[in-house]
Amino acid sequence: MQLGMVGLGRMGGNMVRRLLRAGCACVGFSRSRRGVEVLERDGMITVASLADLVARLAPPRAVWLMVPAAAVEDTLGQLLPLLAPGDVVVDGGNSHYHDDIRRARQAGARGVYYLDVGVSGGVWGLERGYCLMIGGEAEPVRRLDPIFAELAPGADAAPPTPGRRGGSTADLGYLHCGPAGAGHFVKMVHNGIEYGLMAAYAEGFNLLHHAGAGRAARAADAETAPLRHPEHYQYALDLAEVAEVWRRGSVIASWLLDLTAAALARSPELEGLAGRVSDSGEGRWTVATAVDASVPAPVLATALFARFASRGEDDFANRLLSALRREFGGHEEREADAPRS
């Protein structure tokens, strides 16, 4: 099997490396040379342009785009005129599924198949494999099945689900979810759930972090809510150890908890992190889709808004709150307290 990969960053590069290990012939193109030499030593052929990449692939070709969502439109616009009827182009990034529906029609007008593939696995996918959520026509999905099978984690990644009948490729870690856009629709909701899960862990560990609130003196003034029973909050909990014990037998054990435990083991106070949490779009699209479909999703929406707040997007609102308290009650802002450890 042969595959062209456009974009050789952390995800694209590791996917190529995993395919090379499986004996797949890979041709790669990247605008950056970072990390490319290692892939070349592993057996990847590097080209200098999209035209060179297409020329290196035997028809019917398969070209996988692993570029940021903002770069897909331009890259696809350059690539499609170079392809021939029967070729397949895969968008493996985090594009909006609305764009996939349009792009599939655009590619189809040239006789080119377009697949949208949501890819989950992050930097760990090289060893663990990648969960793949695929949208598009059935024929190119069947044709690329050997590629999907090598990238996916395989049956050993999870034990069989009790009571599940008549398995599918989902048991191997990849699934044809439906027509154009379906793959990225499923991945969009996956990422929305990811926001919620991460926020739940973050809030819970923050509460544990403040379990010693009663040990610090509080100001006795009109601007400070009293802690009625400080004796109830005298704990100095080792969060790294809590995370570790929760990994074993608890109902909230998960891979995200494994990563939480690893982060706390390296740095119990998470030094070097300012707490500014980015969002790359999928959480917003999930919430917008929930509104369109009249589906209540308060946890996912709150997790998204918490990311906005982490970046200071609520600063003006908070200043206005202070202003209103001053206007109606003469309340002056207190200086910020030192961070509590």
C-alpha atoms as a PDB file:
ATOM      1  CA  MET A   1       0.000   0.000   0.000  1.00  0.00           C
ATOM      2  CA  GLN A   2       1.187   3.512  -0.825  1.00  0.00           C
ATOM      3  CA  LEU A   3       0.161   6.804   0.775  1.00  0.00           C
ATOM      4  CA  GLY A   4       1.049  10.451   0.281  1.00  0.00           C
ATOM      5  CA  MET A   5       1.095  12.521   3.482  1.00  0.00           C
ATOM      6  CA  VAL A   6       0.813  16.311   3.413  1.00  0.00           C
ATOM      7  CA  GLY A   7       1.827  17.728   6.791  1.00  0.00           C
ATOM      8  CA  LEU A   8       4.548  16.035   8.837  1.00  0.00           C
ATOM      9  CA  GLY A   9       4.098  17.616  12.254  1.00  0.00           C
ATOM     10  CA  ARG A  10       3.589  15.726  15.504  1.00  0.00           C
ATOM     11  CA  MET A  11       0.506  13.885  14.289  1.00  0.00           C
ATOM     12  CA  GLY A  12       1.288  13.492  10.591  1.00  0.00           C
ATOM     13  CA  GLY A  13       4.903  12.516  11.232  1.00  0.00           C
ATOM     14  CA  ASN A  14       4.007   9.850  13.775  1.00  0.00           C
ATOM     15  CA  MET A  15       1.296   8.452  11.535  1.00  0.00           C
ATOM     16  CA  VAL A  16       3.842   8.108   8.728  1.00  0.00           C
ATOM     17  CA  ARG A  17       6.258   6.440  11.125  1.00  0.00           C
ATOM     18  CA  ARG A  18       3.590   3.940  12.200  1.00  0.00           C
ATOM     19  CA  LEU A  19       2.754   3.135   8.568  1.00  0.00           C
ATOM     20  CA  LEU A  20       6.411   2.731   7.642  1.00  0.00           C
ATOM     21  CA  ARG A  21       6.833   0.220  10.458  1.00  0.00           C
ATOM     22  CA  ALA A  22       3.967  -1.754   8.918  1.00  0.00           C
ATOM     23  CA  GLY A  23       5.622  -1.810   5.497  1.00  0.00           C
ATOM     24  CA  CYS A  24       3.542   0.917   3.845  1.00  0.00           C
ATOM     25  CA  ALA A  25       5.333   3.068   1.260  1.00  0.00           C
ATOM     26  CA  CYS A  26       4.963   6.727   2.239  1.00  0.00           C
ATOM     27  CA  VAL A  27       5.695   9.890   0.278  1.00  0.00           C
ATOM     28  CA  GLY A  28       5.715  13.046   2.384  1.00  0.00           C
ATOM     29  CA  PHE A  29       5.445  16.775   1.796  1.00  0.00           C
ATOM     30  CA  SER A  30       5.812  19.462   4.444  1.00  0.00           C
ATOM     31  CA  ARG A  31       6.472  23.183   4.341  1.00  0.00           C
ATOM     32  CA  SER A  32       8.797  22.706   7.313  1.00  0.00           C
ATOM     33  CA  ARG A  33      11.878  20.482   7.430  1.00  0.00           C
ATOM     34  CA  ARG A  34      11.531  19.957  11.164  1.00  0.00           C
ATOM     35  CA  GLY A  35      11.651  16.244  11.919  1.00  0.00           C
ATOM     36  CA  VAL A  36      11.699  15.276   8.248  1.00  0.00           C
ATOM     37  CA  GLU A  37      15.239  13.878   8.338  1.00  0.00           C
ATOM     38  CA  VAL A  38      14.208  11.273  10.900  1.00  0.00           C
ATOM     39  CA  LEU A  39      11.315  10.154   8.721  1.00  0.00           C
ATOM     40  CA  GLU A  40      13.618   9.936   5.719  1.00  0.00           C
ATOM     41  CA  ARG A  41      15.942   7.669   7.679  1.00  0.00           C
ATOM     42  CA  ASP A  42      12.917   5.526   8.496  1.00  0.00           C
ATOM     43  CA  GLY A  43      12.197   5.140   4.782  1.00  0.00           C
ATOM     44  CA  MET A  44       9.856   7.966   3.801  1.00  0.00           C
ATOM     45  CA  ILE A  45      10.396   9.635   0.427  1.00  0.00           C
ATOM     46  CA  THR A  46      10.323  13.428   0.722  1.00  0.00           C
ATOM     47  CA  VAL A  47       9.207  15.702  -2.114  1.00  0.00           C
ATOM     48  CA  ALA A  48       9.438  19.445  -2.577  1.00  0.00           C
ATOM     49  CA  SER A  49       5.923  20.190  -3.826  1.00  0.00           C
ATOM     50  CA  LEU A  50       2.396  18.835  -4.082  1.00  0.00           C
ATOM     51  CA  ALA A  51       2.963  18.252  -7.784  1.00  0.00           C
ATOM     52  CA  ASP A  52       6.021  16.117  -6.983  1.00  0.00           C
ATOM     53  CA  LEU A  53       4.021  14.177  -4.408  1.00  0.00           C
ATOM     54  CA  VAL A  54       1.252  13.367  -6.892  1.00  0.00           C
ATOM     55  CA  ALA A  55       3.828  12.359  -9.507  1.00  0.00           C
ATOM     56  CA  ARG A  56       5.471   9.937  -7.045  1.00  0.00           C
ATOM     57  CA  LEU A  57       2.224   8.098  -6.297  1.00  0.00           C
ATOM     58  CA  ALA A  58       0.878   5.313  -8.490  1.00  0.00           C
ATOM     59  CA  PRO A  59      -2.779   5.751  -9.506  1.00  0.00           C
ATOM     60  CA  PRO A  60      -5.313   5.433  -8.095  1.00  0.00           C
ATOM     61  CA  ARG A  61      -3.627   7.662  -5.537  1.00  0.00           C
ATOM     62  CA  ALA A  62      -4.375   8.262  -1.873  1.00  0.00           C
ATOM     63  CA  VAL A  63      -3.287  11.586  -0.376  1.00  0.00           C
ATOM     64  CA  TRP A  64      -3.801  12.283   3.328  1.00  0.00           C
ATOM     65  CA  LEU A  65      -3.891  15.905   4.534  1.00  0.00           C
ATOM     66  CA  MET A  66      -2.706  16.345   8.136  1.00  0.00           C
ATOM     67  CA  VAL A  67      -2.648  20.123   8.284  1.00  0.00           C
ATOM     68  CA  PRO A  68      -4.412  22.693  10.516  1.00  0.00           C
ATOM     69  CA  ALA A  69      -8.084  23.262   9.704  1.00  0.00           C
ATOM     70  CA  ALA A  70      -7.293  26.809   8.544  1.00  0.00           C
ATOM     71  CA  ALA A  71      -4.858  25.464   5.922  1.00  0.00           C
ATOM     72  CA  VAL A  72      -7.086  22.757   4.410  1.00  0.00           C
ATOM     73  CA  GLU A  73      -8.958  24.988   1.973  1.00  0.00           C
ATOM     74  CA  ASP A  74      -5.829  26.383   0.346  1.00  0.00           C
ATOM     75  CA  THR A  75      -4.053  23.017   0.307  1.00  0.00           C
ATOM     76  CA  LEU A  76      -7.041  21.254  -1.215  1.00  0.00           C
ATOM     77  CA  GLY A  77      -7.394  24.007  -3.800  1.00  0.00           C
ATOM     78  CA  GLN A  78      -3.825  23.385  -4.939  1.00  0.00           C
ATOM     79  CA  LEU A  79      -4.077  19.602  -4.765  1.00  0.00           C
ATOM     80  CA  LEU A  80      -7.354  18.815  -6.522  1.00  0.00           C
ATOM     81  CA  PRO A  81      -6.288  20.031 -10.001  1.00  0.00           C
ATOM     82  CA  LEU A  82      -3.289  17.661  -9.774  1.00  0.00           C
ATOM     83  CA  LEU A  83      -5.352  14.556  -9.039  1.00  0.00           C
ATOM     84  CA  ALA A  84      -7.106  12.231 -11.464  1.00  0.00           C
ATOM     85  CA  PRO A  85     -10.540  10.581 -11.363  1.00  0.00           C
ATOM     86  CA  GLY A  86     -10.503   7.683  -8.913  1.00  0.00           C
ATOM     87  CA  ASP A  87      -7.896   9.255  -6.626  1.00  0.00           C
ATOM     88  CA  VAL A  88      -8.725   9.710  -2.946  1.00  0.00           C
ATOM     89  CA  VAL A  89      -7.974  12.709  -0.752  1.00  0.00           C
ATOM     90  CA  VAL A  90      -8.333  12.359   3.016  1.00  0.00           C
ATOM     91  CA  ASP A  91      -8.697  15.287   5.420  1.00  0.00           C
ATOM     92  CA  GLY A  92      -7.405  13.939   8.720  1.00  0.00           C
ATOM     93  CA  GLY A  93      -7.385  17.263  10.558  1.00  0.00           C
ATOM     94  CA  ASN A  94     -10.148  18.861  12.614  1.00  0.00           C
ATOM     95  CA  SER A  95     -12.215  20.501   9.895  1.00  0.00           C
ATOM     96  CA  HIS A  96     -15.816  21.547  10.426  1.00  0.00           C
ATOM     97  CA  TYR A  97     -18.126  18.887   9.030  1.00  0.00           C
ATOM     98  CA  HIS A  98     -20.060  21.555   7.082  1.00  0.00           C
ATOM     99  CA  ASP A  99     -16.879  22.162   5.082  1.00  0.00           C
ATOM    100  CA  ASP A 100     -16.503  18.421   4.444  1.00  0.00           C
ATOM    101  CA  ILE A 101     -19.946  18.216   2.843  1.00  0.00           C
ATOM    102  CA  ARG A 102     -19.035  21.050   0.470  1.00  0.00           C
ATOM    103  CA  ARG A 103     -15.531  19.755  -0.237  1.00  0.00           C
ATOM    104  CA  ALA A 104     -16.804  16.261  -1.020  1.00  0.00           C
ATOM    105  CA  ARG A 105     -19.057  17.747  -3.704  1.00  0.00           C
ATOM    106  CA  GLN A 106     -16.178  19.870  -4.980  1.00  0.00           C
ATOM    107  CA  ALA A 107     -13.864  16.858  -5.252  1.00  0.00           C
ATOM    108  CA  GLY A 108     -16.613  14.648  -6.666  1.00  0.00           C
ATOM    109  CA  ALA A 109     -17.127  17.057  -9.541  1.00  0.00           C
ATOM    110  CA  ARG A 110     -13.593  16.099 -10.610  1.00  0.00           C
ATOM    111  CA  GLY A 111     -14.167  12.392 -10.053  1.00  0.00           C
ATOM    112  CA  VAL A 112     -11.983  12.468  -6.928  1.00  0.00           C
ATOM    113  CA  TYR A 113     -13.136  10.822  -3.710  1.00  0.00           C
ATOM    114  CA  TYR A 114     -13.027  12.859  -0.504  1.00  0.00           C
ATOM    115  CA  LEU A 115     -12.925  11.280   2.955  1.00  0.00           C
ATOM    116  CA  ASP A 116     -13.075  13.131   6.253  1.00  0.00           C
ATOM    117  CA  VAL A 117     -11.332  11.255   9.055  1.00  0.00           C
ATOM    118  CA  GLY A 118     -11.395  12.349  12.660  1.00  0.00           C
ATOM    119  CA  VAL A 119      -8.163  11.189  14.301  1.00  0.00           C
ATOM    120  CA  SER A 120      -7.760  10.800  18.054  1.00  0.00           C
ATOM    121  CA  GLY A 121      -4.613   9.620  19.774  1.00  0.00           C
ATOM    122  CA  GLY A 122      -2.381  12.657  20.019  1.00  0.00           C
ATOM    123  CA  VAL A 123       1.347  12.261  20.472  1.00  0.00           C
ATOM    124  CA  TRP A 124       0.782   8.802  21.973  1.00  0.00           C
ATOM    125  CA  GLY A 125      -0.729   7.422  18.768  1.00  0.00           C
ATOM    126  CA  LEU A 126       2.581   6.169  17.394  1.00  0.00           C
ATOM    127  CA  GLU A 127       2.659   3.401  19.979  1.00  0.00           C
ATOM    128  CA  ARG A 128      -0.999   3.152  21.043  1.00  0.00           C
ATOM    129  CA  GLY A 129      -2.565   3.578  17.616  1.00  0.00           C
ATOM    130  CA  TYR A 130      -5.140   6.104  16.439  1.00  0.00           C
ATOM    131  CA  CYS A 131      -8.905   5.991  16.841  1.00  0.00           C
ATOM    132  CA  LEU A 132     -10.293   6.810  13.386  1.00  0.00           C
ATOM    133  CA  MET A 133     -13.790   8.158  12.632  1.00  0.00           C
ATOM    134  CA  ILE A 134     -14.385   8.066   8.874  1.00  0.00           C
ATOM    135  CA  GLY A 135     -16.893   9.867   6.660  1.00  0.00           C
ATOM    136  CA  GLY A 136     -17.425   9.531   2.922  1.00  0.00           C
ATOM    137  CA  GLU A 137     -18.367   7.040   0.237  1.00  0.00           C
ATOM    138  CA  ALA A 138     -17.992   3.315   0.905  1.00  0.00           C
ATOM    139  CA  GLU A 139     -15.745   2.439  -2.074  1.00  0.00           C
ATOM    140  CA  PRO A 140     -12.704   4.549  -1.104  1.00  0.00           C
ATOM    141  CA  VAL A 141     -13.169   3.506   2.531  1.00  0.00           C
ATOM    142  CA  ARG A 142     -12.866  -0.136   1.450  1.00  0.00           C
ATOM    143  CA  ARG A 143      -9.850   0.690  -0.704  1.00  0.00           C
ATOM    144  CA  LEU A 144      -8.014   2.384   2.164  1.00  0.00           C
ATOM    145  CA  ASP A 145      -8.957  -0.250   4.727  1.00  0.00           C
ATOM    146  CA  PRO A 146      -5.343  -1.558   4.996  1.00  0.00           C
ATOM    147  CA  ILE A 147      -4.182   1.988   5.854  1.00  0.00           C
ATOM    148  CA  PHE A 148      -6.883   2.452   8.474  1.00  0.00           C
ATOM    149  CA  ALA A 149      -6.176  -0.966   9.974  1.00  0.00           C
ATOM    150  CA  GLU A 150      -2.465  -0.215  10.409  1.00  0.00           C
ATOM    151  CA  LEU A 151      -3.071   3.198  11.953  1.00  0.00           C
ATOM    152  CA  ALA A 152      -5.753   1.964  14.361  1.00  0.00           C
ATOM    153  CA  PRO A 153      -4.958   0.447  17.782  1.00  0.00           C
ATOM    154  CA  GLY A 154      -6.263  -3.044  16.965  1.00  0.00           C
ATOM    155  CA  ALA A 155      -8.441  -5.463  18.902  1.00  0.00           C
ATOM    156  CA  ASP A 156      -6.098  -5.687  21.887  1.00  0.00           C
ATOM    157  CA  ALA A 157      -6.597  -2.011  22.778  1.00  0.00           C
ATOM    158  CA  ALA A 158      -9.720  -2.803  24.825  1.00  0.00           C
ATOM    159  CA  PRO A 159     -11.473  -5.943  26.047  1.00  0.00           C
ATOM    160  CA  PRO A 160     -14.631  -7.036  24.194  1.00  0.00           C
ATOM    161  CA  THR A 161     -17.817  -5.283  25.319  1.00  0.00           C
ATOM    162  CA  PRO A 162     -20.019  -7.769  27.210  1.00  0.00           C
ATOM    163  CA  GLY A 163     -23.200  -8.518  25.297  1.00  0.00           C
ATOM    164  CA  ARG A 164     -21.993  -6.931  22.066  1.00  0.00           C
ATOM    165  CA  ARG A 165     -23.046  -8.958  19.032  1.00  0.00           C
ATOM    166  CA  GLY A 166     -21.786  -8.974  15.450  1.00  0.00           C
ATOM    167  CA  GLY A 167     -18.590  -6.948  15.609  1.00  0.00           C
ATOM    168  CA  SER A 168     -17.297  -4.429  13.081  1.00  0.00           C
ATOM    169  CA  THR A 169     -14.087  -2.529  12.441  1.00  0.00           C
ATOM    170  CA  ALA A 170     -15.007  -0.495  15.535  1.00  0.00           C
ATOM    171  CA  ASP A 171     -13.559  -3.419  17.501  1.00  0.00           C
ATOM    172  CA  LEU A 172     -10.225  -2.602  15.847  1.00  0.00           C
ATOM    173  CA  GLY A 173     -10.393   1.142  16.498  1.00  0.00           C
ATOM    174  CA  TYR A 174     -11.741   2.553  13.231  1.00  0.00           C
ATOM    175  CA  LEU A 175     -15.258   3.023  11.893  1.00  0.00           C
ATOM    176  CA  HIS A 176     -16.956   4.203   8.716  1.00  0.00           C
ATOM    177  CA  CYS A 177     -19.486   6.474  10.415  1.00  0.00           C
ATOM    178  CA  GLY A 178     -21.480   7.551   7.372  1.00  0.00           C
ATOM    179  CA  PRO A 179     -21.436   9.852   4.326  1.00  0.00           C
ATOM    180  CA  ALA A 180     -19.409  13.036   3.865  1.00  0.00           C
ATOM    181  CA  GLY A 181     -18.980  14.946   7.104  1.00  0.00           C
ATOM    182  CA  ALA A 182     -19.945  12.070   9.391  1.00  0.00           C
ATOM    183  CA  GLY A 183     -16.372  11.358  10.450  1.00  0.00           C
ATOM    184  CA  HIS A 184     -15.668  14.906  11.536  1.00  0.00           C
ATOM    185  CA  PHE A 185     -19.143  15.215  13.082  1.00  0.00           C
ATOM    186  CA  VAL A 186     -18.360  12.282  15.385  1.00  0.00           C
ATOM    187  CA  LYS A 187     -14.877  13.671  16.101  1.00  0.00           C
ATOM    188  CA  MET A 188     -16.363  17.092  16.864  1.00  0.00           C
ATOM    189  CA  VAL A 189     -18.619  15.645  19.549  1.00  0.00           C
ATOM    190  CA  HIS A 190     -15.717  13.486  20.782  1.00  0.00           C
ATOM    191  CA  ASN A 191     -13.699  16.665  21.376  1.00  0.00           C
ATOM    192  CA  GLY A 192     -16.637  18.373  23.068  1.00  0.00           C
ATOM    193  CA  ILE A 193     -16.835  15.439  25.477  1.00  0.00           C
ATOM    194  CA  GLU A 194     -13.076  15.680  25.958  1.00  0.00           C
ATOM    195  CA  TYR A 195     -13.490  19.305  27.065  1.00  0.00           C
ATOM    196  CA  GLY A 196     -16.085  18.243  29.632  1.00  0.00           C
ATOM    197  CA  LEU A 197     -14.043  15.342  30.996  1.00  0.00           C
ATOM    198  CA  MET A 198     -10.912  17.454  31.326  1.00  0.00           C
ATOM    199  CA  ALA A 199     -12.850  20.214  33.063  1.00  0.00           C
ATOM    200  CA  ALA A 200     -14.351  17.738  35.545  1.00  0.00           C
ATOM    201  CA  TYR A 201     -10.901  16.438  36.506  1.00  0.00           C
ATOM    202  CA  ALA A 202      -9.541  19.988  36.738  1.00  0.00           C
ATOM    203  CA  GLU A 203     -12.376  21.197  38.974  1.00  0.00           C
ATOM    204  CA  GLY A 204     -12.217  18.133  41.209  1.00  0.00           C
ATOM    205  CA  PHE A 205      -8.468  18.343  41.733  1.00  0.00           C
ATOM    206  CA  ASN A 206      -8.772  22.076  42.361  1.00  0.00           C
ATOM    207  CA  LEU A 207     -11.237  21.343  45.162  1.00  0.00           C
ATOM    208  CA  LEU A 208      -8.773  18.853  46.638  1.00  0.00           C
ATOM    209  CA  HIS A 209      -6.056  21.489  46.250  1.00  0.00           C
ATOM    210  CA  HIS A 210      -8.115  23.836  48.473  1.00  0.00           C
ATOM    211  CA  ALA A 211      -9.001  21.234  51.096  1.00  0.00           C
ATOM    212  CA  GLY A 212      -6.791  23.139  53.560  1.00  0.00           C
ATOM    213  CA  ALA A 213      -8.714  26.417  53.219  1.00  0.00           C
ATOM    214  CA  GLY A 214      -9.390  26.483  56.955  1.00  0.00           C
ATOM    215  CA  ARG A 215      -5.687  26.659  57.826  1.00  0.00           C
ATOM    216  CA  ALA A 216      -5.267  30.181  56.413  1.00  0.00           C
ATOM    217  CA  ALA A 217      -6.488  33.262  58.232  1.00  0.00           C
ATOM    218  CA  ARG A 218      -9.336  35.154  56.590  1.00  0.00           C
ATOM    219  CA  ALA A 219     -10.010  38.840  56.813  1.00  0.00           C
ATOM    220  CA  ALA A 220     -12.886  39.769  59.109  1.00  0.00           C
ATOM    221  CA  ASP A 221     -14.552  42.449  57.019  1.00  0.00           C
ATOM    222  CA  ALA A 222     -17.631  43.103  54.916  1.00  0.00           C
ATOM    223  CA  GLU A 223     -15.852  42.104  51.726  1.00  0.00           C
ATOM    224  CA  THR A 224     -14.959  38.547  52.792  1.00  0.00           C
ATOM    225  CA  ALA A 225     -17.404  35.676  53.238  1.00  0.00           C
ATOM    226  CA  PRO A 226     -16.630  33.936  56.535  1.00  0.00           C
ATOM    227  CA  LEU A 227     -15.674  30.277  56.648  1.00  0.00           C
ATOM    228  CA  ARG A 228     -18.048  29.058  59.349  1.00  0.00           C
ATOM    229  CA  HIS A 229     -16.206  25.848  60.184  1.00  0.00           C
ATOM    230  CA  PRO A 230     -12.519  26.186  59.351  1.00  0.00           C
ATOM    231  CA  GLU A 231     -11.900  22.979  61.288  1.00  0.00           C
ATOM    232  CA  HIS A 232     -13.601  21.115  58.419  1.00  0.00           C
ATOM    233  CA  TYR A 233     -10.918  22.245  55.965  1.00  0.00           C
ATOM    234  CA  GLN A 234      -7.603  21.285  57.521  1.00  0.00           C
ATOM    235  CA  TYR A 235      -6.330  18.755  54.982  1.00  0.00           C
ATOM    236  CA  ALA A 236      -2.986  18.837  53.168  1.00  0.00           C
ATOM    237  CA  LEU A 237      -3.650  16.298  50.448  1.00  0.00           C
ATOM    238  CA  ASP A 238      -0.982  14.855  48.173  1.00  0.00           C
ATOM    239  CA  LEU A 239      -2.727  15.233  44.831  1.00  0.00           C
ATOM    240  CA  ALA A 240      -0.229  13.087  42.948  1.00  0.00           C
ATOM    241  CA  GLU A 241      -0.939  10.227  45.346  1.00  0.00           C
ATOM    242  CA  VAL A 242      -4.695  10.750  45.108  1.00  0.00           C
ATOM    243  CA  ALA A 243      -4.467  10.595  41.324  1.00  0.00           C
ATOM    244  CA  GLU A 244      -2.406   7.427  41.600  1.00  0.00           C
ATOM    245  CA  VAL A 245      -4.838   5.630  43.886  1.00  0.00           C
ATOM    246  CA  TRP A 246      -7.797   6.660  41.711  1.00  0.00           C
ATOM    247  CA  ARG A 247      -6.110   4.967  38.748  1.00  0.00           C
ATOM    248  CA  ARG A 248      -6.613   1.606  40.432  1.00  0.00           C
ATOM    249  CA  GLY A 249     -10.143   0.273  40.629  1.00  0.00           C
ATOM    250  CA  SER A 250     -12.035   3.582  40.854  1.00  0.00           C
ATOM    251  CA  VAL A 251     -15.021   4.328  38.628  1.00  0.00           C
ATOM    252  CA  ILE A 252     -13.343   7.498  37.304  1.00  0.00           C
ATOM    253  CA  ALA A 253     -10.190   5.728  36.125  1.00  0.00           C
ATOM    254  CA  SER A 254      -9.325   6.633  32.513  1.00  0.00           C
ATOM    255  CA  TRP A 255      -6.455   7.493  30.214  1.00  0.00           C
ATOM    256  CA  LEU A 256      -7.020  11.179  31.002  1.00  0.00           C
ATOM    257  CA  LEU A 257      -6.601  10.342  34.691  1.00  0.00           C
ATOM    258  CA  ASP A 258      -3.391   8.495  33.795  1.00  0.00           C
ATOM    259  CA  LEU A 259      -2.137  11.685  32.148  1.00  0.00           C
ATOM    260  CA  THR A 260      -3.249  13.740  35.157  1.00  0.00           C
ATOM    261  CA  ALA A 261      -1.266  11.462  37.463  1.00  0.00           C
ATOM    262  CA  ALA A 262       1.805  11.747  35.237  1.00  0.00           C
ATOM    263  CA  ALA A 263       1.608  15.562  35.168  1.00  0.00           C
ATOM    264  CA  LEU A 264       1.235  15.797  38.968  1.00  0.00           C
ATOM    265  CA  ALA A 265       4.062  13.335  39.524  1.00  0.00           C
ATOM    266  CA  ARG A 266       6.384  15.529  37.459  1.00  0.00           C
ATOM    267  CA  SER A 267       5.239  18.797  39.033  1.00  0.00           C
ATOM    268  CA  PRO A 268       2.813  18.701  41.992  1.00  0.00           C
ATOM    269  CA  GLU A 269       2.213  22.474  41.749  1.00  0.00           C
ATOM    270  CA  LEU A 270       2.199  22.453  37.921  1.00  0.00           C
ATOM    271  CA  GLU A 271       4.965  25.012  37.746  1.00  0.00           C
ATOM    272  CA  GLY A 272       5.556  26.670  34.405  1.00  0.00           C
ATOM    273  CA  LEU A 273       1.871  26.658  33.411  1.00  0.00           C
ATOM    274  CA  ALA A 274      -0.152  29.867  33.498  1.00  0.00           C
ATOM    275  CA  GLY A 275      -3.492  28.132  33.085  1.00  0.00           C
ATOM    276  CA  ARG A 276      -4.434  29.776  29.787  1.00  0.00           C
ATOM    277  CA  VAL A 277      -6.367  26.984  28.065  1.00  0.00           C
ATOM    278  CA  SER A 278      -6.741  27.155  24.289  1.00  0.00           C
ATOM    279  CA  ASP A 279      -9.639  25.859  22.211  1.00  0.00           C
ATOM    280  CA  SER A 280      -9.156  24.901  18.591  1.00  0.00           C
ATOM    281  CA  GLY A 281     -12.769  25.101  17.438  1.00  0.00           C
ATOM    282  CA  GLU A 282     -14.378  21.692  17.954  1.00  0.00           C
ATOM    283  CA  GLY A 283     -15.867  22.598  21.337  1.00  0.00           C
ATOM    284  CA  ARG A 284     -17.480  25.714  19.841  1.00  0.00           C
ATOM    285  CA  TRP A 285     -18.884  23.715  16.934  1.00  0.00           C
ATOM    286  CA  THR A 286     -20.247  21.092  19.322  1.00  0.00           C
ATOM    287  CA  VAL A 287     -22.113  23.709  21.352  1.00  0.00           C
ATOM    288  CA  ALA A 288     -23.404  25.452  18.197  1.00  0.00           C
ATOM    289  CA  THR A 289     -24.614  22.099  16.851  1.00  0.00           C
ATOM    290  CA  ALA A 290     -26.374  21.382  20.148  1.00  0.00           C
ATOM    291  CA  VAL A 291     -28.189  24.718  19.815  1.00  0.00           C
ATOM    292  CA  ASP A 292     -29.166  23.960  16.199  1.00  0.00           C
ATOM    293  CA  ALA A 293     -30.518  20.526  17.183  1.00  0.00           C
ATOM    294  CA  SER A 294     -32.155  21.754  20.439  1.00  0.00           C
ATOM    295  CA  VAL A 295     -30.023  19.309  22.433  1.00  0.00           C
ATOM    296  CA  PRO A 296     -29.252  20.345  26.037  1.00  0.00           C
ATOM    297  CA  ALA A 297     -25.471  20.198  26.558  1.00  0.00           C
ATOM    298  CA  PRO A 298     -24.791  22.299  29.678  1.00  0.00           C
ATOM    299  CA  VAL A 299     -21.630  20.434  30.710  1.00  0.00           C
ATOM    300  CA  LEU A 300     -20.000  20.797  27.290  1.00  0.00           C
ATOM    301  CA  ALA A 301     -20.987  24.472  27.053  1.00  0.00           C
ATOM    302  CA  THR A 302     -19.704  25.274  30.538  1.00  0.00           C
ATOM    303  CA  ALA A 303     -16.389  23.526  29.831  1.00  0.00           C
ATOM    304  CA  LEU A 304     -15.976  25.632  26.681  1.00  0.00           C
ATOM    305  CA  PHE A 305     -16.800  28.890  28.479  1.00  0.00           C
ATOM    306  CA  ALA A 306     -14.332  27.991  31.240  1.00  0.00           C
ATOM    307  CA  ARG A 307     -11.597  27.937  28.595  1.00  0.00           C
ATOM    308  CA  PHE A 308     -12.591  31.430  27.479  1.00  0.00           C
ATOM    309  CA  ALA A 309     -12.414  32.619  31.097  1.00  0.00           C
ATOM    310  CA  SER A 310      -8.968  31.051  31.560  1.00  0.00           C
ATOM    311  CA  ARG A 311      -7.658  33.381  28.863  1.00  0.00           C
ATOM    312  CA  GLY A 312      -9.037  36.495  30.523  1.00  0.00           C
ATOM    313  CA  GLU A 313     -12.066  36.866  28.259  1.00  0.00           C
ATOM    314  CA  ASP A 314     -14.206  37.550  31.361  1.00  0.00           C
ATOM    315  CA  ASP A 315     -11.963  40.339  32.696  1.00  0.00           C
ATOM    316  CA  PHE A 316     -14.241  43.156  31.553  1.00  0.00           C
ATOM    317  CA  ALA A 317     -17.305  41.435  33.022  1.00  0.00           C
ATOM    318  CA  ASN A 318     -15.518  41.041  36.354  1.00  0.00           C
ATOM    319  CA  ARG A 319     -14.460  44.676  36.361  1.00  0.00           C
ATOM    320  CA  LEU A 320     -18.064  45.668  35.685  1.00  0.00           C
ATOM    321  CA  LEU A 321     -19.210  43.516  38.611  1.00  0.00           C
ATOM    322  CA  SER A 322     -16.757  45.363  40.841  1.00  0.00           C
ATOM    323  CA  ALA A 323     -17.985  48.670  39.480  1.00  0.00           C
ATOM    324  CA  LEU A 324     -21.609  47.800  40.204  1.00  0.00           C
ATOM    325  CA  ARG A 325     -20.803  46.746  43.779  1.00  0.00           C
ATOM    326  CA  ARG A 326     -19.034  50.037  44.279  1.00  0.00           C
ATOM    327  CA  GLU A 327     -21.926  51.997  42.737  1.00  0.00           C
ATOM    328  CA  PHE A 328     -24.753  50.499  44.773  1.00  0.00           C
ATOM    329  CA  GLY A 329     -22.966  49.663  48.016  1.00  0.00           C
ATOM    330  CA  GLY A 330     -19.747  51.610  48.156  1.00  0.00           C
ATOM    331  CA  HIS A 331     -17.759  48.372  48.111  1.00  0.00           C
ATOM    332  CA  GLU A 332     -14.129  48.852  47.165  1.00  0.00           C
ATOM    333  CA  GLU A 333     -12.099  46.146  45.539  1.00  0.00           C
ATOM    334  CA  ARG A 334      -9.643  44.313  47.743  1.00  0.00           C
ATOM    335  CA  GLU A 335      -6.141  43.667  46.561  1.00  0.00           C
ATOM    336  CA  ALA A 336      -5.652  40.207  45.130  1.00  0.00           C
ATOM    337  CA  ASP A 337      -4.745  37.570  47.663  1.00  0.00           C
ATOM    338  CA  ALA A 338      -1.533  35.641  47.205  1.00  0.00           C
ATOM    339  CA  PRO A 339      -2.122  32.301  45.428  1.00  0.00           C
ATOM    340  CA  ARG A 340      -2.945  29.504  47.834  1.00  0.00           C
ATOM    341  CA  SER A 341      -0.714  26.447  47.656  1.00  0.00           C
END
